[in-house]
Amino acid sequence: TVEQVVQYAQDQGHHVLAAVNADFFFTGSGIPTGMTIQEGRLVTSDGAWNAVGFFADGTVMAGTPKLSITLTTEGGEEYPIHALNNVRTADGLYLYTPDFDFCTRTSAEGTEVLLELDRSGDALKLGISLKATVLSVANTKNTEMQQGQMVLSLTAGNKPGLDLAAMVSEGDKITLRATTADERWEDVIWASGGGNILVKDGAVTADATATGREPRTVMGVRKDGTAVIVECDGRQSAVSSGMTLAECAQLLLSQGCTDVINLDGGGSSVLAA
């Protein structure tokens, strides 16, 4: 519940003034759909999704990060990493960090490579190359990792036809790098994925024309980087029927917002203050 989330944040030393829900998520695992950044660390990849980002001075941006994560081997070969901290599929190479769990949670055997970061306290951050050493290469599952370690994982018979055991060997030095199309994301210290962009540079997009009234959570960003959040109840005929995306877009335009992003609505919409 939102009360449990607020309590969790308070236990970490934060003073919570208000909270709303944010990203869409995979219902089977609870893993966010979009990009997550916590204290500058990249925690989940974006799945070609949109996101909201918060800078150290409190200003906000919303947009499409177009995240790319790459693995460069000791021999200089570069390979794309399909996803960070997500449930592994046959779509490509996966990377896991302790932000995901103490293990990879892979249910079937595949090639899993245990890495140790070259410098204590390092983390995967946008725009910064991360150096690591290969500790082991094994055909296994559910590999455990500690702080300062990561795991590369690849299922057998993967769609790109990659062979992780042929890419790296024990003792190799590898490089991981995460970049975005817009370099402003490199200065974001907190980020969450989001849904469709409803307003871009002051113009309403085609995604705002979808019909239907639902509970909504929508964020708008003004030119000065301040944010406005709309939280609307719905699905209660005697109380509220909800809002359309077009109504949300127009309301936030009237509040001076130039960019508007739809967050997870429906039964997920919640506000605590």
Protein backbone atom coordinates (compact mmCIF):
# COMPACT_ATOMS: atom_id res chain seq x y z
CA THR A 1 0.00 0.00 0.00
CA VAL A 2 1.04 3.62 -0.33
CA GLU A 3 1.24 3.84 3.47
CA GLN A 4 3.82 1.03 3.47
CA VAL A 5 5.84 2.80 0.78
CA VAL A 6 5.79 6.05 2.76
CA GLN A 7 6.89 4.19 5.89
CA TYR A 8 9.72 2.53 3.93
CA ALA A 9 10.93 5.94 2.72
CA GLN A 10 10.77 7.33 6.25
CA ASP A 11 12.79 4.36 7.51
CA GLN A 12 15.49 5.39 5.02
CA GLY A 13 15.64 8.84 6.63
CA HIS A 14 13.39 10.76 4.23
CA HIS A 15 10.70 13.17 5.43
CA VAL A 16 7.69 12.50 3.20
CA LEU A 17 5.41 15.45 2.48
CA ALA A 18 3.37 13.81 -0.27
CA ALA A 19 3.44 10.80 -2.56
CA VAL A 20 1.79 9.61 -5.75
CA ASN A 21 2.19 6.46 -7.81
CA ALA A 22 4.46 6.65 -10.84
CA ASP A 23 5.58 4.02 -13.36
CA PHE A 24 3.65 1.22 -14.99
CA PHE A 25 4.93 -2.23 -14.00
CA PHE A 26 4.92 -5.89 -14.95
CA THR A 27 2.10 -7.46 -12.95
CA GLY A 28 3.77 -10.86 -12.65
CA SER A 29 6.96 -9.52 -11.06
CA GLY A 30 6.23 -5.98 -9.88
CA ILE A 31 9.29 -4.75 -11.81
CA PRO A 32 8.96 -1.21 -13.23
CA THR A 33 8.40 -0.91 -16.96
CA GLY A 34 10.61 2.14 -17.42
CA MET A 35 13.95 3.56 -16.38
CA THR A 36 14.67 3.95 -12.67
CA ILE A 37 17.46 6.03 -11.17
CA GLN A 38 18.10 6.16 -7.42
CA GLU A 39 20.70 8.58 -6.00
CA GLY A 40 22.31 8.69 -9.44
CA ARG A 41 22.52 4.89 -9.84
CA LEU A 42 20.85 3.33 -12.86
CA VAL A 43 18.55 0.69 -11.32
CA THR A 44 16.32 -0.49 -14.19
CA SER A 45 16.44 0.02 -17.96
CA ASP A 46 13.78 1.84 -19.90
CA GLY A 47 12.32 -0.70 -22.33
CA ALA A 48 12.11 2.14 -24.91
CA TRP A 49 9.65 3.83 -22.50
CA ASN A 50 9.30 7.45 -21.34
CA ALA A 51 10.41 8.80 -17.96
CA VAL A 52 10.45 11.68 -15.50
CA GLY A 53 13.74 12.81 -13.98
CA PHE A 54 14.56 14.92 -10.92
CA PHE A 55 17.72 17.03 -10.64
CA ALA A 56 19.63 17.89 -7.47
CA ASP A 57 18.11 21.41 -7.41
CA GLY A 58 14.57 19.96 -7.45
CA THR A 59 13.76 20.77 -11.07
CA VAL A 60 12.16 18.14 -13.26
CA MET A 61 12.25 16.91 -16.85
CA ALA A 62 10.02 14.51 -18.78
CA GLY A 63 10.82 12.79 -22.03
CA THR A 64 12.16 9.72 -23.81
CA PRO A 65 15.65 8.76 -22.55
CA LYS A 66 16.34 6.19 -25.33
CA LEU A 67 18.68 4.38 -22.98
CA SER A 68 21.50 2.26 -24.37
CA ILE A 69 23.73 -0.04 -22.27
CA THR A 70 26.76 -1.69 -23.82
CA LEU A 71 29.35 -4.29 -22.82
CA THR A 72 32.87 -3.87 -24.20
CA THR A 73 35.12 -6.89 -23.83
CA GLU A 74 38.85 -6.89 -23.13
CA GLY A 75 39.40 -7.47 -26.84
CA GLY A 76 37.37 -4.38 -27.76
CA GLU A 77 34.23 -6.09 -29.05
CA GLU A 78 31.04 -4.21 -28.14
CA TYR A 79 27.70 -5.90 -27.42
CA PRO A 80 24.31 -4.40 -26.50
CA ILE A 81 22.75 -5.25 -23.15
CA HIS A 82 19.06 -5.86 -23.68
CA ALA A 83 17.86 -5.05 -20.15
CA LEU A 84 19.01 -4.16 -16.65
CA ASN A 85 17.45 -5.81 -13.59
CA ASN A 86 14.49 -7.43 -15.30
CA VAL A 87 13.13 -10.96 -15.71
CA ARG A 88 15.38 -12.68 -18.24
CA THR A 89 13.95 -13.69 -21.61
CA ALA A 90 15.53 -14.95 -24.84
CA ASP A 91 15.70 -11.40 -26.23
CA GLY A 92 19.36 -10.84 -25.42
CA LEU A 93 21.96 -10.11 -22.77
CA TYR A 94 20.81 -9.14 -19.26
CA LEU A 95 22.67 -7.32 -16.50
CA TYR A 96 21.87 -7.67 -12.80
CA THR A 97 22.99 -5.58 -9.83
CA PRO A 98 22.30 -5.89 -6.08
CA ASP A 99 19.51 -3.32 -6.53
CA PHE A 100 17.56 -6.18 -8.14
CA ASP A 101 18.09 -8.80 -5.41
CA PHE A 102 20.88 -10.84 -3.84
CA CYS A 103 20.66 -13.16 -6.89
CA THR A 104 19.56 -13.11 -10.54
CA ARG A 105 16.30 -15.02 -9.92
CA THR A 106 16.79 -16.87 -13.21
CA SER A 107 14.64 -20.01 -13.29
CA ALA A 108 16.43 -21.85 -16.10
CA GLU A 109 20.11 -22.48 -16.66
CA GLY A 110 22.07 -20.24 -18.97
CA THR A 111 25.48 -18.60 -19.09
CA GLU A 112 25.98 -16.35 -16.06
CA VAL A 113 29.11 -14.25 -15.57
CA LEU A 114 29.92 -12.91 -12.10
CA LEU A 115 31.65 -9.51 -12.20
CA GLU A 116 33.47 -7.55 -9.51
CA LEU A 117 33.71 -3.79 -9.86
CA ASP A 118 37.29 -2.52 -9.99
CA ARG A 119 36.63 0.26 -7.48
CA SER A 120 34.67 -0.12 -4.25
CA GLY A 121 31.57 2.06 -4.19
CA ASP A 122 31.27 2.30 -7.98
CA ALA A 123 27.84 1.94 -9.59
CA LEU A 124 26.34 2.00 -13.07
CA LYS A 125 25.61 5.66 -13.88
CA LEU A 126 24.63 7.40 -17.08
CA GLY A 127 27.54 8.67 -19.14
CA ILE A 128 30.26 7.08 -16.98
CA SER A 129 32.24 3.98 -18.02
CA LEU A 130 32.22 1.26 -15.36
CA LYS A 131 35.18 -1.12 -15.15
CA ALA A 132 34.86 -4.67 -13.81
CA THR A 133 36.74 -7.96 -13.65
CA VAL A 134 35.25 -11.34 -14.58
CA LEU A 135 35.28 -13.60 -11.51
CA SER A 136 33.57 -16.64 -13.05
CA VAL A 137 31.80 -17.92 -16.15
CA ALA A 138 29.34 -20.79 -15.61
CA ASN A 139 26.35 -22.56 -17.08
CA THR A 140 24.04 -22.07 -14.11
CA LYS A 141 21.03 -20.18 -12.76
CA ASN A 142 20.10 -17.96 -9.82
CA THR A 143 23.65 -16.67 -9.36
CA GLU A 144 24.25 -14.85 -6.08
CA MET A 145 25.99 -11.47 -5.93
CA GLN A 146 27.20 -9.16 -3.20
CA GLN A 147 27.64 -5.40 -3.02
CA GLY A 148 30.29 -4.40 -5.52
CA GLN A 149 29.37 -7.25 -7.85
CA MET A 150 27.15 -7.66 -10.92
CA VAL A 151 26.04 -10.56 -13.09
CA LEU A 152 25.74 -10.84 -16.87
CA SER A 153 23.18 -13.45 -17.89
CA LEU A 154 22.24 -15.00 -21.23
CA THR A 155 19.77 -17.78 -21.91
CA ALA A 156 20.66 -20.59 -24.27
CA GLY A 157 19.06 -20.31 -27.71
CA ASN A 158 18.72 -16.53 -27.38
CA LYS A 159 17.29 -14.62 -30.33
CA PRO A 160 20.44 -12.62 -31.21
CA GLY A 161 22.49 -15.84 -31.28
CA LEU A 162 25.03 -14.61 -28.73
CA ASP A 163 27.51 -16.83 -26.88
CA LEU A 164 28.47 -15.16 -23.60
CA ALA A 165 31.03 -17.86 -22.73
CA ALA A 166 32.87 -17.02 -25.95
CA MET A 167 32.81 -13.27 -25.24
CA VAL A 168 34.53 -13.24 -21.85
CA SER A 169 36.77 -15.45 -19.72
CA GLU A 170 37.69 -15.54 -16.05
CA GLY A 171 40.09 -12.72 -15.22
CA ASP A 172 39.06 -10.54 -18.19
CA LYS A 173 38.60 -6.78 -17.75
CA ILE A 174 35.32 -5.51 -19.21
CA THR A 175 33.63 -2.12 -19.51
CA LEU A 176 29.95 -1.29 -19.05
CA ARG A 177 28.52 2.01 -20.25
CA ALA A 178 25.00 3.46 -20.19
CA THR A 179 24.05 6.46 -22.35
CA THR A 180 20.92 8.33 -23.40
CA ALA A 181 20.02 10.30 -26.50
CA ASP A 182 19.59 13.46 -24.38
CA GLU A 183 22.67 14.07 -22.18
CA ARG A 184 20.59 16.01 -19.62
CA TRP A 185 19.56 12.66 -18.16
CA GLU A 186 23.17 12.21 -16.98
CA ASP A 187 22.56 14.85 -14.27
CA VAL A 188 19.33 13.28 -13.01
CA ILE A 189 19.61 11.86 -9.48
CA TRP A 190 16.13 10.30 -9.24
CA ALA A 191 14.04 8.99 -12.15
CA SER A 192 10.95 6.92 -12.76
CA GLY A 193 9.44 5.55 -15.92
CA GLY A 194 6.14 6.86 -17.20
CA GLY A 195 3.58 6.37 -19.92
CA ASN A 196 2.71 8.33 -23.04
CA ILE A 197 3.79 11.93 -23.61
CA LEU A 198 0.55 13.93 -23.78
CA VAL A 199 2.08 17.38 -24.41
CA LYS A 200 5.48 18.09 -25.97
CA ASP A 201 6.91 21.63 -26.21
CA GLY A 202 3.45 23.09 -25.58
CA ALA A 203 1.66 21.03 -28.26
CA VAL A 204 -0.86 18.29 -27.49
CA THR A 205 0.24 14.95 -28.97
CA ALA A 206 -1.84 12.25 -30.66
CA ASP A 207 -1.49 10.11 -27.52
CA ALA A 208 -3.72 12.56 -25.64
CA THR A 209 -6.70 11.86 -27.90
CA ALA A 210 -7.47 8.37 -26.51
CA THR A 211 -11.05 8.22 -25.29
CA GLY A 212 -12.29 6.96 -21.95
CA ARG A 213 -12.58 8.39 -18.46
CA GLU A 214 -10.41 6.72 -15.84
CA PRO A 215 -8.60 7.50 -12.60
CA ARG A 216 -5.44 9.35 -13.66
CA THR A 217 -1.99 10.28 -12.41
CA VAL A 218 -0.43 12.83 -14.77
CA MET A 219 2.63 15.08 -14.39
CA GLY A 220 3.29 18.35 -16.15
CA VAL A 221 6.58 20.26 -16.32
CA ARG A 222 6.89 24.03 -16.76
CA LYS A 223 9.72 25.81 -18.58
CA ASP A 224 11.39 26.65 -15.28
CA GLY A 225 11.52 22.96 -14.34
CA THR A 226 8.79 23.06 -11.71
CA ALA A 227 6.22 20.27 -11.82
CA VAL A 228 2.46 19.99 -11.45
CA ILE A 229 0.81 16.66 -10.67
CA VAL A 230 -2.85 15.84 -11.29
CA GLU A 231 -4.32 12.98 -9.30
CA CYS A 232 -7.93 12.15 -10.20
CA ASP A 233 -10.26 9.57 -8.69
CA GLY A 234 -12.69 7.65 -10.90
CA ARG A 235 -14.82 4.57 -11.48
CA GLN A 236 -17.23 5.73 -8.77
CA SER A 237 -20.43 7.00 -10.34
CA ALA A 238 -21.56 8.88 -7.24
CA VAL A 239 -18.15 10.49 -6.65
CA SER A 240 -16.03 10.76 -9.80
CA SER A 241 -16.10 9.34 -13.31
CA GLY A 242 -12.44 10.16 -13.89
CA MET A 243 -10.80 12.22 -16.62
CA THR A 244 -9.83 11.70 -20.24
CA LEU A 245 -6.20 12.11 -21.24
CA ALA A 246 -7.18 15.15 -23.30
CA GLU A 247 -8.73 16.78 -20.23
CA CYS A 248 -5.56 16.09 -18.26
CA ALA A 249 -3.45 17.62 -21.02
CA GLN A 250 -5.58 20.76 -21.22
CA LEU A 251 -5.68 21.19 -17.44
CA LEU A 252 -1.89 21.07 -17.17
CA LEU A 253 -1.47 23.34 -20.19
CA SER A 254 -3.64 25.85 -18.31
CA GLN A 255 -1.20 25.53 -15.36
CA GLY A 256 1.68 26.66 -17.57
CA CYS A 257 3.13 23.23 -18.35
CA THR A 258 4.91 22.72 -21.66
CA ASP A 259 5.48 18.96 -21.30
CA VAL A 260 2.99 16.46 -19.87
CA ILE A 261 3.48 12.75 -19.21
CA ASN A 262 0.87 10.16 -18.27
CA LEU A 263 1.79 8.01 -15.27
CA ASP A 264 0.11 4.74 -14.24
CA GLY A 265 -3.61 5.38 -13.75
CA GLY A 266 -6.66 3.26 -13.17
CA GLY A 267 -6.50 1.13 -10.05
CA SER A 268 -2.90 2.28 -9.48
CA SER A 269 -3.73 5.95 -9.00
CA VAL A 270 -3.15 6.94 -5.37
CA LEU A 271 -2.26 10.03 -3.37
CA ALA A 272 -0.89 10.37 0.15
CA ALA A 273 -0.24 13.75 1.75
